[in-house]
Protein backbone atom coordinates (compact mmCIF):
# COMPACT_ATOMS: atom_id res chain seq x y z
CA MET A 1 30.30 21.78 7.30
CA ASN A 2 29.30 20.60 3.84
CA ASP A 3 26.72 18.26 2.43
CA LEU A 4 27.25 14.51 2.85
CA SER A 5 31.02 14.14 2.57
CA GLU A 6 32.86 11.73 0.30
CA GLU A 7 34.21 10.00 3.38
CA ARG A 8 30.72 9.32 4.66
CA ARG A 9 29.50 8.19 1.26
CA GLY A 10 32.42 5.79 1.10
CA THR A 11 31.55 4.19 4.41
CA ALA A 12 27.80 4.02 3.78
CA ALA A 13 27.94 0.22 3.51
CA GLN A 14 29.08 -0.01 7.12
CA PRO A 15 26.45 0.76 9.75
CA VAL A 16 27.15 3.71 12.01
CA ILE A 17 25.46 1.79 14.82
CA ALA A 18 24.57 -1.89 14.88
CA CYS A 19 23.33 -4.14 17.64
CA ARG A 20 22.85 -7.88 17.71
CA ASN A 21 20.78 -9.98 20.11
CA LEU A 22 20.64 -7.06 22.53
CA ALA A 23 18.94 -7.82 25.82
CA LYS A 24 18.46 -5.96 29.08
CA VAL A 25 17.13 -7.47 32.29
CA PHE A 26 16.35 -5.59 35.48
CA GLN A 27 15.69 -7.08 38.88
CA GLN A 28 13.25 -5.34 41.20
CA GLY A 29 13.03 -7.14 44.48
CA GLY A 30 12.10 -10.69 43.56
CA ARG A 31 10.89 -9.74 40.09
CA VAL A 32 12.90 -10.13 36.91
CA LEU A 33 11.96 -7.67 34.16
CA HIS A 34 13.01 -8.54 30.61
CA VAL A 35 12.90 -5.03 29.17
CA LEU A 36 14.68 -5.88 25.90
CA LYS A 37 14.81 -9.29 24.22
CA SER A 38 17.17 -10.07 21.35
CA VAL A 39 17.02 -6.68 19.60
CA ASP A 40 18.76 -6.33 16.21
CA LEU A 41 19.25 -2.98 14.46
CA ASP A 42 21.47 -1.48 11.72
CA VAL A 43 21.59 2.28 11.15
CA HIS A 44 23.59 3.75 8.25
CA PRO A 45 24.89 7.26 7.47
CA GLY A 46 22.03 9.66 6.74
CA ASP A 47 19.34 7.29 8.07
CA VAL A 48 16.59 8.88 10.15
CA VAL A 49 14.98 6.15 12.22
CA SER A 50 12.07 6.62 14.62
CA ILE A 51 11.38 4.18 17.44
CA VAL A 52 7.90 4.25 18.91
CA GLY A 53 6.33 2.29 21.72
CA ALA A 54 4.22 2.58 24.84
CA SER A 55 5.54 4.36 27.91
CA GLY A 56 7.79 1.97 29.80
CA SER A 57 8.40 -0.25 26.77
CA GLY A 58 12.17 0.23 26.98
CA LYS A 59 12.76 2.90 24.30
CA SER A 60 15.04 5.03 26.46
CA THR A 61 16.81 1.93 27.75
CA LEU A 62 17.57 0.91 24.17
CA LEU A 63 18.91 4.37 23.36
CA HIS A 64 21.18 4.30 26.43
CA LEU A 65 22.59 0.95 25.36
CA LEU A 66 23.19 2.13 21.79
CA GLY A 67 24.99 5.18 23.15
CA GLY A 68 27.19 3.23 25.55
CA LEU A 69 25.59 4.90 28.57
CA ASP A 70 24.54 1.54 29.99
CA GLU A 71 25.68 -2.05 29.52
CA PRO A 72 23.44 -4.78 28.08
CA THR A 73 22.69 -8.00 29.90
CA ALA A 74 23.43 -9.84 26.67
CA GLY A 75 24.26 -9.07 23.05
CA GLU A 76 26.53 -6.43 21.59
CA VAL A 77 26.55 -2.87 20.25
CA GLU A 78 28.98 -1.68 17.57
CA VAL A 79 29.75 1.93 16.67
CA GLU A 80 31.45 1.97 13.27
CA GLY A 81 32.71 -1.56 13.82
CA GLU A 82 33.94 -1.06 17.40
CA ARG A 83 32.22 -3.27 19.94
CA LEU A 84 31.47 -1.15 22.99
CA ASP A 85 31.71 -4.10 25.39
CA GLN A 86 35.32 -4.67 24.29
CA LEU A 87 36.41 -1.08 25.03
CA ASP A 88 37.70 0.26 28.33
CA GLU A 89 35.84 3.22 29.83
CA THR A 90 38.34 5.74 28.46
CA ARG A 91 37.95 4.54 24.89
CA ARG A 92 34.18 4.26 25.29
CA GLY A 93 34.09 7.88 26.43
CA LEU A 94 36.08 8.90 23.36
CA VAL A 95 33.65 7.08 21.09
CA ARG A 96 30.74 8.91 22.72
CA ASN A 97 32.50 12.28 22.42
CA ARG A 98 33.73 11.86 18.85
CA LYS A 99 31.11 9.69 17.14
CA LEU A 100 27.82 10.18 18.98
CA GLY A 101 25.62 13.13 19.84
CA PHE A 102 22.81 13.12 22.39
CA VAL A 103 19.59 15.16 22.53
CA TYR A 104 17.10 14.70 25.37
CA GLN A 105 13.59 15.85 26.20
CA PHE A 106 15.12 18.28 28.70
CA HIS A 107 17.88 20.38 27.17
CA HIS A 108 20.35 20.05 30.10
CA LEU A 109 22.04 23.33 29.24
CA LEU A 110 24.27 25.03 31.80
CA GLY A 111 22.42 28.13 32.97
CA GLU A 112 25.47 30.26 33.72
CA PHE A 113 26.92 29.89 30.21
CA SER A 114 25.95 31.49 26.90
CA ALA A 115 24.58 29.53 23.95
CA THR A 116 28.03 29.55 22.33
CA GLU A 117 29.69 28.31 25.53
CA ASN A 118 27.12 25.52 25.97
CA VAL A 119 27.56 24.33 22.39
CA ALA A 120 31.36 24.53 22.61
CA MET A 121 31.53 22.40 25.78
CA PRO A 122 32.06 18.97 24.08
CA LEU A 123 34.92 20.44 22.05
CA LEU A 124 36.54 21.94 25.14
CA ILE A 125 36.27 18.54 26.84
CA ARG A 126 38.03 17.10 23.78
CA GLY A 127 40.89 19.55 24.33
CA MET A 128 40.22 22.07 21.54
CA SER A 129 41.24 25.67 22.18
CA ARG A 130 38.52 28.02 23.42
CA ARG A 131 38.78 30.21 20.31
CA ALA A 132 38.47 27.30 17.86
CA ALA A 133 35.67 25.67 19.90
CA SER A 134 33.71 28.93 20.04
CA ALA A 135 34.10 29.45 16.29
CA GLN A 136 32.80 25.95 15.56
CA ALA A 137 29.95 26.44 18.05
CA ASP A 138 28.90 29.66 16.34
CA LYS A 139 28.80 27.87 12.98
CA LEU A 140 26.37 25.32 14.44
CA LEU A 141 24.23 28.01 16.04
CA ASP A 142 24.00 29.66 12.63
CA LEU A 143 23.04 26.29 11.13
CA VAL A 144 20.11 25.92 13.56
CA GLY A 145 19.00 29.52 13.08
CA LEU A 146 20.34 31.03 16.30
CA ALA A 147 23.23 33.18 15.10
CA GLU A 148 21.66 36.25 16.72
CA ARG A 149 21.17 34.48 20.07
CA ARG A 150 24.66 33.09 20.64
CA THR A 151 25.49 35.39 23.58
CA HIS A 152 22.22 34.66 25.38
CA ARG A 153 22.02 32.33 28.37
CA PRO A 154 19.40 29.55 28.55
CA GLY A 155 17.13 31.63 30.81
CA GLU A 156 16.91 34.24 28.05
CA LEU A 157 15.83 31.74 25.39
CA SER A 158 12.46 30.19 24.57
CA GLY A 159 11.89 26.45 24.98
CA GLY A 160 12.31 25.88 21.26
CA GLU A 161 15.49 27.95 21.18
CA ARG A 162 16.94 25.98 24.09
CA GLN A 163 16.27 22.73 22.25
CA ARG A 164 17.97 24.14 19.17
CA VAL A 165 21.01 24.98 21.28
CA ALA A 166 20.96 21.39 22.60
CA LEU A 167 20.81 20.10 19.02
CA ALA A 168 23.73 22.33 18.01
CA ARG A 169 25.69 20.98 20.98
CA ALA A 170 24.95 17.41 19.88
CA LEU A 171 26.16 18.19 16.34
CA VAL A 172 29.20 20.34 17.11
CA THR A 173 31.56 17.36 17.24
CA GLU A 174 30.32 16.25 13.80
CA PRO A 175 29.05 12.93 15.19
CA ARG A 176 28.27 9.96 13.02
CA CYS A 177 24.95 9.45 14.79
CA VAL A 178 22.62 11.56 16.93
CA LEU A 179 20.56 9.74 19.55
CA ALA A 180 17.46 11.78 20.38
CA ASP A 181 15.25 10.80 23.32
CA GLU A 182 11.83 12.51 23.03
CA PRO A 183 13.53 15.69 21.73
CA THR A 184 10.20 17.41 21.08
CA GLY A 185 8.43 16.22 24.22
CA ASN A 186 8.47 19.62 25.96
CA LEU A 187 7.67 21.70 22.89
CA ASP A 188 4.40 22.98 21.50
CA ALA A 189 3.15 21.34 18.33
CA VAL A 190 4.45 23.99 15.91
CA THR A 191 7.91 24.17 17.49
CA ALA A 192 8.07 20.37 17.68
CA LYS A 193 7.46 20.10 13.93
CA GLU A 194 10.14 22.71 13.25
CA MET A 195 12.63 20.87 15.45
CA PHE A 196 11.83 17.57 13.77
CA ALA A 197 12.21 19.05 10.28
CA LEU A 198 15.55 20.53 11.35
CA LEU A 199 16.81 17.12 12.47
CA GLN A 200 15.83 15.58 9.15
CA SER A 201 17.39 18.41 7.14
CA LEU A 202 20.67 18.20 9.03
CA ALA A 203 20.78 14.43 8.60
CA SER A 204 20.45 14.89 4.84
CA ARG A 205 22.98 17.71 4.60
CA LEU A 206 25.62 16.32 6.95
CA GLY A 207 25.20 12.59 6.43
CA THR A 208 24.57 12.17 10.14
CA ALA A 209 22.42 9.21 11.16
CA VAL A 210 19.60 10.03 13.58
CA ILE A 211 17.74 7.66 15.90
CA ILE A 212 14.68 9.29 17.46
CA VAL A 213 12.70 7.82 20.31
CA THR A 214 9.26 9.43 20.34
CA HIS A 215 5.69 8.86 21.39
CA ASP A 216 4.47 11.22 18.65
CA LEU A 217 3.21 9.01 15.83
CA GLU A 218 2.58 11.95 13.52
CA LEU A 219 6.20 13.02 13.69
CA ALA A 220 7.51 9.45 13.61
CA ALA A 221 5.60 8.86 10.37
CA LYS A 222 7.78 11.49 8.68
CA THR A 223 11.06 9.62 9.20
CA GLY A 224 12.61 7.34 6.62
CA ARG A 225 12.28 4.22 8.77
CA HIS A 226 9.82 3.36 11.51
CA MET A 227 10.44 0.81 14.27
CA ALA A 228 8.18 -0.23 17.14
CA LEU A 229 9.29 -1.63 20.47
CA ARG A 230 6.72 -4.05 21.87
CA GLU A 231 7.19 -6.60 24.64
CA GLY A 232 10.94 -6.20 24.45
CA THR A 233 11.30 -6.80 20.70
CA LEU A 234 12.01 -4.26 17.96
CA LYS A 235 10.25 -4.65 14.63
CA PRO A 236 9.73 -2.46 11.56
CA VAL A 237 6.29 -0.92 11.22
CA HIS A 238 4.64 1.11 8.48
CA LEU A 239 3.25 4.46 9.61
CA GLU A 240 1.18 6.33 7.07
CA LEU A 241 0.61 9.96 7.93
CA PRO A 242 -3.08 10.16 6.88
CA LEU A 243 -3.84 7.09 9.01
CA VAL A 244 -1.95 8.55 11.97
CA GLU A 245 -3.89 11.81 11.64
CA GLU A 246 -7.19 9.91 11.54
CA VAL A 247 -6.28 7.99 14.67
CA ALA A 248 -5.16 11.18 16.43
CA SER A 249 -8.40 12.97 15.55
CA GLY A 250 -10.54 10.02 16.63
CA SER A 251 -12.20 9.67 13.22
């Protein structure tokens, strides 16, 4: 894997992910909940975008819609110009496997498999040979600083190491965009900062777009773009790190 490729530079004018007038409505008994209302968003190669908002504001719902894991009530999502609502489930699955990577608060690693085997899994699902998939997985583990831990199973790794394995798994298919849902939520403060810095570094080096849903304003302030989800609408906000630190300290 090299720094931002010519191919990705050439397509920088086209968003990796775009959504228009995105809405999601849930019905609970007799109640109608408008979780998302007419959300618009463009994310380009190499962008690192943080989305903040109160618990229950719809951040994870938005991420699921952008990743094609759920269907919107209205509006549309495009991944490199392909509208997800116009694809059959087979094609949608291919888009997820080939163009998107997912990182969650919980690593969701398979306990009986080694780090290499966990990272290689998306490539094996794609149909790549075990030898080639393992070689690519080991490259990613080296990239996230875990070359010496590739034969270890999740139970033999620390929380931060497990999240790094999950990040390597998300990146092994060389996705155009990584969707990260509270990826540092279960980590201590030091490890969370390291994980966040790693995401930003990889985005710069690989040209991968990253959308991070987080409640951590201090970390969100370090991304290139900041968005806030409030009352179902998504709007840009300006987060200044000194101000965030003052708020966090209560000063």
